[in-house]
Amino acid sequence: YEICACLVGSEMCIRDRGMNFKIGEFTVTVLSYYDEFSDENDKSLVLMAEIDGFKFLFTGDAGSDTENALLDEGINVDCDVLKVGHHGSATASSERFIKAASPKYAAISVGENNVYSHPVPRVISSLKAYGAEVFRTDENGDITFYVENGKIKPETEK
């Protein structure tokens, strides 16, 4: 029985894995929280947000250990929009995970000219190979996804 914490607005709440809660019009499902992993990044809360039948997967800084655990447990990570884990680092977004998620759009939050060289080319290539249109904050600025008239509409600052 796993318990995890999350923020809703400015209030802290405790949620069980598999529990749903609402944020505006989104229904958010807690997919995982793996407290047993030694790497703090792999303790990231993984959430699926759904609106009008569209799914948005948020993986925080989760790496391949969390990704593999999710898939090994048979948790459905199929999504329309993937917030790419750990800034597109080499330790996250395995090909297996990207294939299972099969996002139409991928958003990578990453600083321009960051010292870690995120995102790594392998992550970008894998996302594109599985059909994702990739957006990066270092190249596109702010990234917003609107759900309108039964479609997802991406919009960027740049």
C-alpha atoms as a PDB file:
ATOM      1  CA  TYR A   1       0.000   0.000   0.000  1.00  0.00           C
ATOM      2  CA  GLU A   2       1.789   3.104  -1.186  1.00  0.00           C
ATOM      3  CA  ILE A   3       1.102   6.644  -0.084  1.00  0.00           C
ATOM      4  CA  CYS A   4       2.532   9.702  -1.781  1.00  0.00           C
ATOM      5  CA  ALA A   5       2.260  13.451  -1.357  1.00  0.00           C
ATOM      6  CA  CYS A   6       1.362  15.998  -3.969  1.00  0.00           C
ATOM      7  CA  LEU A   7       0.486  19.655  -4.212  1.00  0.00           C
ATOM      8  CA  VAL A   8      -2.954  20.777  -5.310  1.00  0.00           C
ATOM      9  CA  GLY A   9      -2.961  24.526  -5.574  1.00  0.00           C
ATOM     10  CA  SER A  10      -1.215  25.707  -2.442  1.00  0.00           C
ATOM     11  CA  GLU A  11      -2.347  22.799  -0.276  1.00  0.00           C
ATOM     12  CA  MET A  12      -0.465  19.580   0.393  1.00  0.00           C
ATOM     13  CA  CYS A  13      -2.515  16.426   0.083  1.00  0.00           C
ATOM     14  CA  ILE A  14      -1.749  12.775   0.552  1.00  0.00           C
ATOM     15  CA  ARG A  15      -2.810  10.402  -2.191  1.00  0.00           C
ATOM     16  CA  ASP A  16      -2.698   6.643  -2.630  1.00  0.00           C
ATOM     17  CA  ARG A  17      -1.277   5.214  -5.796  1.00  0.00           C
ATOM     18  CA  GLY A  18      -4.168   4.802  -8.221  1.00  0.00           C
ATOM     19  CA  MET A  19      -6.225   7.520  -6.571  1.00  0.00           C
ATOM     20  CA  ASN A  20      -7.830  10.221  -8.681  1.00  0.00           C
ATOM     21  CA  PHE A  21      -8.323  13.872  -7.863  1.00  0.00           C
ATOM     22  CA  LYS A  22      -9.410  16.948  -9.788  1.00  0.00           C
ATOM     23  CA  ILE A  23      -7.443  20.021 -10.755  1.00  0.00           C
ATOM     24  CA  GLY A  24      -9.833  22.256 -12.632  1.00  0.00           C
ATOM     25  CA  GLU A  25     -11.268  20.183 -15.483  1.00  0.00           C
ATOM     26  CA  PHE A  26      -8.443  17.630 -15.315  1.00  0.00           C
ATOM     27  CA  THR A  27      -8.771  14.281 -13.616  1.00  0.00           C
ATOM     28  CA  VAL A  28      -5.354  13.406 -12.241  1.00  0.00           C
ATOM     29  CA  THR A  29      -4.330   9.846 -11.405  1.00  0.00           C
ATOM     30  CA  VAL A  30      -1.317   9.011  -9.260  1.00  0.00           C
ATOM     31  CA  LEU A  31       0.533   6.300 -11.191  1.00  0.00           C
ATOM     32  CA  SER A  32       3.477   5.828  -8.877  1.00  0.00           C
ATOM     33  CA  TYR A  33       5.756   6.884  -6.132  1.00  0.00           C
ATOM     34  CA  TYR A  34       8.680   4.549  -5.448  1.00  0.00           C
ATOM     35  CA  ASP A  35      10.110   5.446  -2.057  1.00  0.00           C
ATOM     36  CA  GLU A  36      12.381   2.398  -2.085  1.00  0.00           C
ATOM     37  CA  PHE A  37      14.701   3.721  -4.805  1.00  0.00           C
ATOM     38  CA  SER A  38      17.975   5.219  -3.599  1.00  0.00           C
ATOM     39  CA  ASP A  39      18.160   7.837  -6.360  1.00  0.00           C
ATOM     40  CA  GLU A  40      16.016  10.805  -5.349  1.00  0.00           C
ATOM     41  CA  ASN A  41      15.028  11.376  -8.993  1.00  0.00           C
ATOM     42  CA  ASP A  42      13.434   7.924  -9.106  1.00  0.00           C
ATOM     43  CA  LYS A  43      11.245   8.918  -6.167  1.00  0.00           C
ATOM     44  CA  SER A  44       9.474  11.425  -8.413  1.00  0.00           C
ATOM     45  CA  LEU A  45       5.717  11.340  -8.366  1.00  0.00           C
ATOM     46  CA  VAL A  46       4.375  10.134 -11.731  1.00  0.00           C
ATOM     47  CA  LEU A  47       0.958  11.487 -12.673  1.00  0.00           C
ATOM     48  CA  MET A  48      -1.470  11.055 -15.557  1.00  0.00           C
ATOM     49  CA  ALA A  49      -3.822  13.977 -16.157  1.00  0.00           C
ATOM     50  CA  GLU A  50      -6.831  13.484 -18.430  1.00  0.00           C
ATOM     51  CA  ILE A  51      -9.204  15.949 -20.013  1.00  0.00           C
ATOM     52  CA  ASP A  52     -11.751  15.291 -22.774  1.00  0.00           C
ATOM     53  CA  GLY A  53     -10.172  11.892 -23.429  1.00  0.00           C
ATOM     54  CA  PHE A  54      -6.654  13.302 -23.863  1.00  0.00           C
ATOM     55  CA  LYS A  55      -3.896  12.062 -21.561  1.00  0.00           C
ATOM     56  CA  PHE A  56      -0.932  14.070 -20.267  1.00  0.00           C
ATOM     57  CA  LEU A  57       1.859  12.099 -18.547  1.00  0.00           C
ATOM     58  CA  PHE A  58       4.050  13.907 -15.997  1.00  0.00           C
ATOM     59  CA  THR A  59       7.166  12.008 -14.938  1.00  0.00           C
ATOM     60  CA  GLY A  60       9.082  14.608 -12.937  1.00  0.00           C
ATOM     61  CA  ASP A  61      12.755  13.669 -12.736  1.00  0.00           C
ATOM     62  CA  ALA A  62      12.051   9.933 -12.822  1.00  0.00           C
ATOM     63  CA  GLY A  63      14.747   7.850 -14.454  1.00  0.00           C
ATOM     64  CA  SER A  64      14.888   4.438 -16.045  1.00  0.00           C
ATOM     65  CA  ASP A  65      14.404   2.561 -12.733  1.00  0.00           C
ATOM     66  CA  THR A  66      11.006   4.205 -12.255  1.00  0.00           C
ATOM     67  CA  GLU A  67      10.122   3.805 -15.939  1.00  0.00           C
ATOM     68  CA  ASN A  68      10.960   0.089 -15.837  1.00  0.00           C
ATOM     69  CA  ALA A  69       9.053  -0.418 -12.583  1.00  0.00           C
ATOM     70  CA  LEU A  70       5.952   1.201 -14.085  1.00  0.00           C
ATOM     71  CA  LEU A  71       6.136  -0.970 -17.194  1.00  0.00           C
ATOM     72  CA  ASP A  72       7.010  -4.161 -15.287  1.00  0.00           C
ATOM     73  CA  GLU A  73       3.907  -3.608 -13.127  1.00  0.00           C
ATOM     74  CA  GLY A  74       1.777  -3.266 -16.245  1.00  0.00           C
ATOM     75  CA  ILE A  75       0.863   0.367 -15.582  1.00  0.00           C
ATOM     76  CA  ASN A  76      -0.528   1.988 -18.718  1.00  0.00           C
ATOM     77  CA  VAL A  77       1.615   4.990 -19.647  1.00  0.00           C
ATOM     78  CA  ASP A  78       0.073   5.549 -23.089  1.00  0.00           C
ATOM     79  CA  CYS A  79      -0.425   9.281 -23.488  1.00  0.00           C
ATOM     80  CA  ASP A  80      -1.007  12.091 -25.939  1.00  0.00           C
ATOM     81  CA  VAL A  81       1.459  14.486 -24.296  1.00  0.00           C
ATOM     82  CA  LEU A  82       4.575  13.439 -22.397  1.00  0.00           C
ATOM     83  CA  LYS A  83       6.428  15.818 -20.111  1.00  0.00           C
ATOM     84  CA  VAL A  84       9.806  14.139 -20.709  1.00  0.00           C
ATOM     85  CA  GLY A  85      11.497  12.899 -17.556  1.00  0.00           C
ATOM     86  CA  HIS A  86      14.633  14.408 -16.047  1.00  0.00           C
ATOM     87  CA  HIS A  87      15.048  17.070 -18.739  1.00  0.00           C
ATOM     88  CA  GLY A  88      15.734  14.458 -21.415  1.00  0.00           C
ATOM     89  CA  SER A  89      18.832  13.144 -19.652  1.00  0.00           C
ATOM     90  CA  ALA A  90      20.615   9.907 -20.548  1.00  0.00           C
ATOM     91  CA  THR A  91      19.257   8.289 -17.374  1.00  0.00           C
ATOM     92  CA  ALA A  92      15.593   8.672 -18.374  1.00  0.00           C
ATOM     93  CA  SER A  93      13.235   8.228 -21.317  1.00  0.00           C
ATOM     94  CA  SER A  94      14.365   4.782 -22.340  1.00  0.00           C
ATOM     95  CA  GLU A  95      13.266   3.555 -25.749  1.00  0.00           C
ATOM     96  CA  ARG A  96      11.063   0.959 -24.029  1.00  0.00           C
ATOM     97  CA  PHE A  97       9.287   3.689 -22.064  1.00  0.00           C
ATOM     98  CA  ILE A  98       8.879   6.030 -25.030  1.00  0.00           C
ATOM     99  CA  LYS A  99       7.454   3.181 -27.110  1.00  0.00           C
ATOM    100  CA  ALA A 100       4.939   2.343 -24.355  1.00  0.00           C
ATOM    101  CA  ALA A 101       3.969   5.997 -23.872  1.00  0.00           C
ATOM    102  CA  SER A 102       3.786   6.666 -27.634  1.00  0.00           C
ATOM    103  CA  PRO A 103       3.087  10.384 -27.207  1.00  0.00           C
ATOM    104  CA  LYS A 104       1.936  12.578 -30.051  1.00  0.00           C
ATOM    105  CA  TYR A 105       3.708  15.504 -28.372  1.00  0.00           C
ATOM    106  CA  ALA A 106       6.692  15.636 -26.023  1.00  0.00           C
ATOM    107  CA  ALA A 107       7.686  18.610 -23.881  1.00  0.00           C
ATOM    108  CA  ILE A 108      11.194  18.912 -22.485  1.00  0.00           C
ATOM    109  CA  SER A 109      11.839  21.475 -19.775  1.00  0.00           C
ATOM    110  CA  VAL A 110      15.515  22.348 -20.120  1.00  0.00           C
ATOM    111  CA  GLY A 111      17.716  25.392 -19.647  1.00  0.00           C
ATOM    112  CA  GLU A 112      19.468  26.894 -22.623  1.00  0.00           C
ATOM    113  CA  ASN A 113      23.162  25.880 -22.833  1.00  0.00           C
ATOM    114  CA  ASN A 114      22.850  23.858 -19.619  1.00  0.00           C
ATOM    115  CA  VAL A 115      26.035  22.278 -18.235  1.00  0.00           C
ATOM    116  CA  TYR A 116      24.485  18.788 -18.375  1.00  0.00           C
ATOM    117  CA  SER A 117      23.964  18.880 -22.164  1.00  0.00           C
ATOM    118  CA  HIS A 118      20.298  17.997 -21.695  1.00  0.00           C
ATOM    119  CA  PRO A 119      18.466  16.713 -23.589  1.00  0.00           C
ATOM    120  CA  VAL A 120      20.687  13.988 -24.995  1.00  0.00           C
ATOM    121  CA  PRO A 121      20.364  13.194 -28.728  1.00  0.00           C
ATOM    122  CA  ARG A 122      19.203   9.599 -28.051  1.00  0.00           C
ATOM    123  CA  VAL A 123      16.075  10.840 -26.264  1.00  0.00           C
ATOM    124  CA  ILE A 124      15.189  13.263 -29.064  1.00  0.00           C
ATOM    125  CA  SER A 125      15.764  10.554 -31.700  1.00  0.00           C
ATOM    126  CA  SER A 126      13.648   7.999 -29.833  1.00  0.00           C
ATOM    127  CA  LEU A 127      10.784  10.429 -29.336  1.00  0.00           C
ATOM    128  CA  LYS A 128      10.769  11.329 -33.021  1.00  0.00           C
ATOM    129  CA  ALA A 129      11.144   7.681 -34.096  1.00  0.00           C
ATOM    130  CA  TYR A 130       7.940   6.861 -32.199  1.00  0.00           C
ATOM    131  CA  GLY A 131       6.086   9.761 -33.790  1.00  0.00           C
ATOM    132  CA  ALA A 132       6.305  12.516 -31.194  1.00  0.00           C
ATOM    133  CA  GLU A 133       6.540  16.154 -32.116  1.00  0.00           C
ATOM    134  CA  VAL A 134       9.185  17.473 -29.712  1.00  0.00           C
ATOM    135  CA  PHE A 135       9.087  20.856 -27.978  1.00  0.00           C
ATOM    136  CA  ARG A 136      11.939  22.162 -25.826  1.00  0.00           C
ATOM    137  CA  THR A 137      11.918  25.158 -23.540  1.00  0.00           C
ATOM    138  CA  ASP A 138      15.499  26.043 -24.515  1.00  0.00           C
ATOM    139  CA  GLU A 139      14.472  26.345 -28.172  1.00  0.00           C
ATOM    140  CA  ASN A 140      10.737  27.098 -28.009  1.00  0.00           C
ATOM    141  CA  GLY A 141      10.384  29.057 -24.773  1.00  0.00           C
ATOM    142  CA  ASP A 142       7.192  28.457 -22.811  1.00  0.00           C
ATOM    143  CA  ILE A 143       5.171  25.500 -24.077  1.00  0.00           C
ATOM    144  CA  THR A 144       1.393  25.371 -23.662  1.00  0.00           C
ATOM    145  CA  PHE A 145      -1.021  22.683 -24.803  1.00  0.00           C
ATOM    146  CA  TYR A 146      -4.650  23.648 -25.328  1.00  0.00           C
ATOM    147  CA  VAL A 147      -7.477  21.163 -25.711  1.00  0.00           C
ATOM    148  CA  GLU A 148     -10.008  22.699 -28.085  1.00  0.00           C
ATOM    149  CA  ASN A 149     -12.686  21.278 -30.365  1.00  0.00           C
ATOM    150  CA  GLY A 150     -11.587  17.706 -29.762  1.00  0.00           C
ATOM    151  CA  LYS A 151      -7.923  18.379 -30.565  1.00  0.00           C
ATOM    152  CA  ILE A 152      -4.694  19.215 -28.771  1.00  0.00           C
ATOM    153  CA  LYS A 153      -3.197  22.485 -29.936  1.00  0.00           C
ATOM    154  CA  PRO A 154       0.441  23.135 -28.950  1.00  0.00           C
ATOM    155  CA  GLU A 155       1.582  26.721 -28.672  1.00  0.00           C
ATOM    156  CA  THR A 156       5.063  28.028 -27.953  1.00  0.00           C
ATOM    157  CA  GLU A 157       6.528  31.344 -26.911  1.00  0.00           C
ATOM    158  CA  LYS A 158       9.121  31.438 -29.712  1.00  0.00           C
END
